[in-house]
Amino acid sequence: MSTAVKPVRPNSEPRPFTEACLRARAPLGLLAAPTDALFDPRTGRALGRSDWDLDPELAADLAAMEPPRPAAVLVPIVAHAELTVLLTQRTDTLAKHPGQIAFPGGRIDAEDADAEAAARREAAEEIGLGGDYIETLGFLDGYRTGTGFHVTPVVALVRPGFHLTLHAGEVADAFEVPLRFLMDQANHQRHEREWRGRRRTFWAMPYGERYIWGATAGMLRNLHDRLYAS
């Protein structure tokens, strides 16, 4: 597992959930490039973050799976006076992860230049977020999912004023959650449910009626560890 990076705080750091603070912390805590090699291509074993972070005894499951397919998501942090994170809720009709809360993203296609290009393309296709509003700040650790993907999370600052157009077949809703809430460890809960006949533990960050959990919550936890761990 990769270890959390604790960035050095500038002595005169601004309030922690503002654009100025995020810009100060990003180059200290975020990765400058994707971690494409954080899994063993021969076995599929996760070497970085994964769905099994809270269940290390189940990690052998990953080795028994086919090598993961590359994917990318955009972690869009909206530059309001106090920062928010833009999330989506998938439609109930999707074959995979119906109704779940997610970041805009998906598979990296052959036409995509890299993970960042894929994340930007998916954000445009899924929610109509134009590239002119997006400024990439860096990357989180690669994340291996139990559904067979190696996800590159692309952290971006999003300029307010955008107008979203949701892909009706994929996205039921898009909404924002205060970054302050998501980075508060008091809101990082450990939940359990049965998965393939066994109990699985995962991160969850319920926000009102929104149930943020699984890979999305795991990547947000990684964002916390890299930028906001004390």
Protein backbone atom coordinates (compact mmCIF):
# COMPACT_ATOMS: atom_id res chain seq x y z
CA MET A 1 0.00 0.00 0.00
CA SER A 2 1.20 3.52 -0.70
CA THR A 3 1.70 5.67 2.35
CA ALA A 4 -0.03 8.95 2.97
CA VAL A 5 1.97 12.03 2.13
CA LYS A 6 1.84 14.80 4.73
CA PRO A 7 2.59 18.05 2.92
CA VAL A 8 4.63 20.72 4.66
CA ARG A 9 2.30 23.55 5.60
CA PRO A 10 3.40 27.08 4.74
CA ASN A 11 3.64 29.25 7.88
CA SER A 12 1.15 31.76 6.53
CA GLU A 13 -1.23 29.23 4.99
CA PRO A 14 -4.71 30.54 4.16
CA ARG A 15 -7.92 28.95 5.38
CA PRO A 16 -7.81 25.23 4.48
CA PHE A 17 -10.86 24.94 2.22
CA THR A 18 -10.19 27.87 -0.09
CA GLU A 19 -8.68 27.97 -3.55
CA ALA A 20 -5.51 29.64 -2.23
CA CYS A 21 -4.91 26.83 0.25
CA LEU A 22 -5.62 24.11 -2.31
CA ARG A 23 -3.14 25.67 -4.70
CA ALA A 24 -0.53 25.80 -1.94
CA ARG A 25 -1.03 22.17 -0.90
CA ALA A 26 -1.51 20.54 -4.31
CA PRO A 27 2.14 20.54 -5.47
CA LEU A 28 3.25 19.25 -2.06
CA GLY A 29 0.76 16.41 -1.71
CA LEU A 30 -0.55 15.38 -5.12
CA LEU A 31 1.34 13.20 -7.57
CA ALA A 32 2.79 14.93 -10.62
CA ALA A 33 2.01 11.94 -12.86
CA PRO A 34 -0.31 8.91 -12.73
CA THR A 35 0.88 5.81 -10.91
CA ASP A 36 0.27 3.40 -13.75
CA ALA A 37 2.43 0.66 -12.22
CA LEU A 38 0.71 0.26 -8.86
CA PHE A 39 -0.41 -3.26 -9.67
CA ASP A 40 1.44 -6.38 -10.75
CA PRO A 41 0.43 -7.02 -14.40
CA ARG A 42 1.24 -10.72 -14.01
CA THR A 43 -1.07 -11.32 -11.05
CA GLY A 44 -3.32 -8.26 -10.90
CA ARG A 45 -2.33 -7.78 -7.25
CA ALA A 46 -2.89 -4.23 -6.07
CA LEU A 47 0.25 -2.47 -4.86
CA GLY A 48 -1.48 0.84 -4.17
CA ARG A 49 -4.98 1.82 -3.11
CA SER A 50 -7.81 -0.60 -3.71
CA ASP A 51 -11.32 -1.65 -2.72
CA TRP A 52 -9.67 -3.99 -0.21
CA ASP A 53 -7.82 -1.34 1.83
CA LEU A 54 -9.98 -2.15 4.87
CA ASP A 55 -10.00 -5.90 4.18
CA PRO A 56 -6.37 -6.86 3.54
CA GLU A 57 -7.22 -10.52 4.08
CA LEU A 58 -9.31 -10.38 0.89
CA ALA A 59 -6.55 -8.91 -1.25
CA ALA A 60 -5.83 -12.32 -2.76
CA ASP A 61 -9.13 -11.94 -4.63
CA LEU A 62 -7.50 -9.30 -6.83
CA ALA A 63 -4.71 -11.69 -7.82
CA ALA A 64 -7.29 -14.23 -8.97
CA MET A 65 -8.94 -11.73 -11.32
CA GLU A 66 -8.02 -10.82 -14.87
CA PRO A 67 -5.51 -7.94 -15.21
CA PRO A 68 -7.36 -4.66 -14.58
CA ARG A 69 -8.59 -2.42 -17.36
CA PRO A 70 -7.35 1.19 -17.30
CA ALA A 71 -9.85 3.89 -16.35
CA ALA A 72 -9.75 7.50 -15.21
CA VAL A 73 -12.00 9.79 -13.21
CA LEU A 74 -12.05 13.54 -12.71
CA VAL A 75 -12.06 14.71 -9.09
CA PRO A 76 -13.61 18.16 -9.74
CA ILE A 77 -13.11 20.68 -6.91
CA VAL A 78 -15.20 23.77 -7.60
CA ALA A 79 -13.53 27.08 -6.75
CA HIS A 80 -16.31 28.72 -4.78
CA ALA A 81 -15.37 30.97 -1.85
CA GLU A 82 -15.37 27.71 0.09
CA LEU A 83 -14.48 24.74 -2.06
CA THR A 84 -16.92 21.99 -3.04
CA VAL A 85 -16.58 18.65 -4.83
CA LEU A 86 -18.78 17.96 -7.85
CA LEU A 87 -20.21 14.43 -7.87
CA THR A 88 -22.68 12.52 -10.00
CA GLN A 89 -25.38 9.98 -9.28
CA ARG A 90 -25.60 7.22 -11.84
CA THR A 91 -28.95 6.22 -13.32
CA ASP A 92 -30.77 3.19 -11.97
CA THR A 93 -30.82 1.62 -15.44
CA LEU A 94 -27.06 1.14 -15.83
CA ALA A 95 -25.81 -2.44 -15.84
CA LYS A 96 -22.90 -1.64 -13.51
CA HIS A 97 -23.13 0.36 -10.28
CA PRO A 98 -26.69 1.62 -10.87
CA GLY A 99 -27.74 4.53 -8.68
CA GLN A 100 -24.31 4.91 -7.09
CA ILE A 101 -22.52 8.19 -6.48
CA ALA A 102 -19.37 8.61 -8.55
CA PHE A 103 -16.88 10.98 -10.09
CA PRO A 104 -17.24 11.66 -13.81
CA GLY A 105 -15.10 9.08 -15.55
CA GLY A 106 -14.79 5.75 -17.29
CA ARG A 107 -12.52 3.55 -19.37
CA ILE A 108 -9.46 4.98 -21.07
CA ASP A 109 -10.10 4.59 -24.79
CA ALA A 110 -7.47 3.98 -27.44
CA GLU A 111 -8.08 7.48 -28.80
CA ASP A 112 -7.31 9.12 -25.44
CA ALA A 113 -3.82 10.58 -25.22
CA ASP A 114 -3.57 9.70 -21.53
CA ALA A 115 -5.55 9.35 -18.30
CA GLU A 116 -6.06 13.10 -18.00
CA ALA A 117 -7.49 13.29 -21.52
CA ALA A 118 -9.84 10.40 -20.72
CA ALA A 119 -11.08 12.03 -17.51
CA ARG A 120 -11.73 15.31 -19.31
CA ARG A 121 -13.52 13.54 -22.16
CA GLU A 122 -15.73 11.58 -19.78
CA ALA A 123 -16.60 14.74 -17.84
CA ALA A 124 -17.67 16.41 -21.09
CA GLU A 125 -19.69 13.37 -22.20
CA GLU A 126 -21.35 12.57 -18.88
CA ILE A 127 -22.15 16.01 -17.48
CA GLY A 128 -21.21 18.51 -20.19
CA LEU A 129 -18.37 20.04 -18.16
CA GLY A 130 -16.24 21.94 -20.66
CA GLY A 131 -12.46 21.73 -20.61
CA ASP A 132 -12.15 25.52 -20.45
CA TYR A 133 -13.40 25.35 -16.87
CA ILE A 134 -10.98 22.60 -15.79
CA GLU A 135 -7.44 23.09 -14.46
CA THR A 136 -5.59 19.91 -13.59
CA LEU A 137 -3.71 20.11 -10.28
CA GLY A 138 -2.26 16.61 -10.04
CA PHE A 139 -3.13 12.97 -9.44
CA LEU A 140 -4.12 10.70 -6.58
CA ASP A 141 -2.76 7.18 -6.15
CA GLY A 142 -4.02 4.66 -8.69
CA TYR A 143 -7.06 2.82 -7.34
CA ARG A 144 -7.80 -0.86 -8.06
CA THR A 145 -11.49 -1.78 -7.98
CA GLY A 146 -13.06 -5.15 -7.30
CA THR A 147 -14.92 -4.79 -10.59
CA GLY A 148 -11.69 -5.04 -12.57
CA PHE A 149 -10.43 -1.49 -13.17
CA HIS A 150 -7.25 0.38 -12.36
CA VAL A 151 -8.49 3.95 -11.94
CA THR A 152 -6.37 7.07 -12.26
CA PRO A 153 -7.99 9.92 -10.27
CA VAL A 154 -7.25 13.32 -11.86
CA VAL A 155 -7.66 16.16 -9.34
CA ALA A 156 -8.81 19.39 -10.94
CA LEU A 157 -9.86 22.87 -9.94
CA VAL A 158 -13.09 23.84 -11.68
CA ARG A 159 -13.92 27.47 -12.34
CA PRO A 160 -17.52 28.36 -11.35
CA GLY A 161 -20.00 29.51 -13.98
CA PHE A 162 -20.27 26.22 -15.87
CA HIS A 163 -23.59 24.89 -17.13
CA LEU A 164 -24.04 21.13 -16.94
CA THR A 165 -25.84 18.93 -19.46
CA LEU A 166 -26.36 15.45 -18.04
CA HIS A 167 -26.16 12.34 -20.21
CA ALA A 168 -29.68 11.00 -19.68
CA GLY A 169 -28.68 7.38 -20.06
CA GLU A 170 -25.85 7.51 -17.53
CA VAL A 171 -26.28 10.36 -15.05
CA ALA A 172 -29.42 10.94 -12.99
CA ASP A 173 -28.09 13.94 -11.07
CA ALA A 174 -25.03 16.07 -10.39
CA PHE A 175 -24.49 17.85 -7.10
CA GLU A 176 -21.83 19.48 -4.94
CA VAL A 177 -20.64 18.59 -1.44
CA PRO A 178 -18.49 20.91 0.69
CA LEU A 179 -14.85 19.83 0.62
CA ARG A 180 -14.73 20.65 4.33
CA PHE A 181 -17.30 17.89 5.01
CA LEU A 182 -15.53 15.29 2.85
CA MET A 183 -12.11 16.00 4.38
CA ASP A 184 -13.36 15.76 7.97
CA GLN A 185 -12.29 12.39 9.37
CA ALA A 186 -15.35 12.45 11.64
CA ASN A 187 -17.40 11.87 8.47
CA HIS A 188 -15.30 8.91 7.28
CA GLN A 189 -17.29 5.88 8.37
CA ARG A 190 -16.49 2.18 8.05
CA HIS A 191 -19.50 0.28 6.72
CA GLU A 192 -19.96 -3.39 5.90
CA ARG A 193 -22.03 -5.45 3.52
CA GLU A 194 -21.98 -8.92 2.07
CA TRP A 195 -20.15 -9.29 -1.23
CA ARG A 196 -19.86 -12.67 -2.96
CA GLY A 197 -20.73 -14.50 0.23
CA ARG A 198 -18.33 -12.64 2.53
CA ARG A 199 -18.40 -9.48 4.60
CA ARG A 200 -16.61 -6.56 3.02
CA THR A 201 -15.62 -3.34 4.83
CA PHE A 202 -15.48 -0.06 2.93
CA TRP A 203 -15.36 3.69 3.43
CA ALA A 204 -18.64 5.63 3.42
CA MET A 205 -19.32 9.35 3.77
CA PRO A 206 -23.11 9.78 3.97
CA TYR A 207 -24.13 13.37 3.21
CA GLY A 208 -27.82 13.92 3.88
CA GLU A 209 -29.69 11.61 1.53
CA ARG A 210 -26.54 11.02 -0.55
CA TYR A 211 -24.71 7.78 0.21
CA ILE A 212 -21.10 8.24 -0.88
CA TRP A 213 -19.25 4.94 -0.53
CA GLY A 214 -16.94 2.37 -2.07
CA ALA A 215 -14.34 3.46 -4.61
CA THR A 216 -15.56 7.08 -4.62
CA ALA A 217 -15.22 7.32 -0.84
CA GLY A 218 -11.89 5.47 -1.01
CA MET A 219 -10.49 8.02 -3.45
CA LEU A 220 -11.78 10.89 -1.31
CA ARG A 221 -10.04 9.29 1.66
CA ASN A 222 -6.84 9.27 -0.43
CA LEU A 223 -7.37 12.99 -1.19
CA HIS A 224 -7.64 13.59 2.55
CA ASP A 225 -4.47 11.61 3.26
CA ARG A 226 -2.48 13.48 0.64
CA LEU A 227 -3.70 17.03 1.30
CA TYR A 228 -5.45 17.30 4.67
CA ALA A 229 -3.98 14.71 7.05
CA SER A 230 -2.70 16.43 10.19
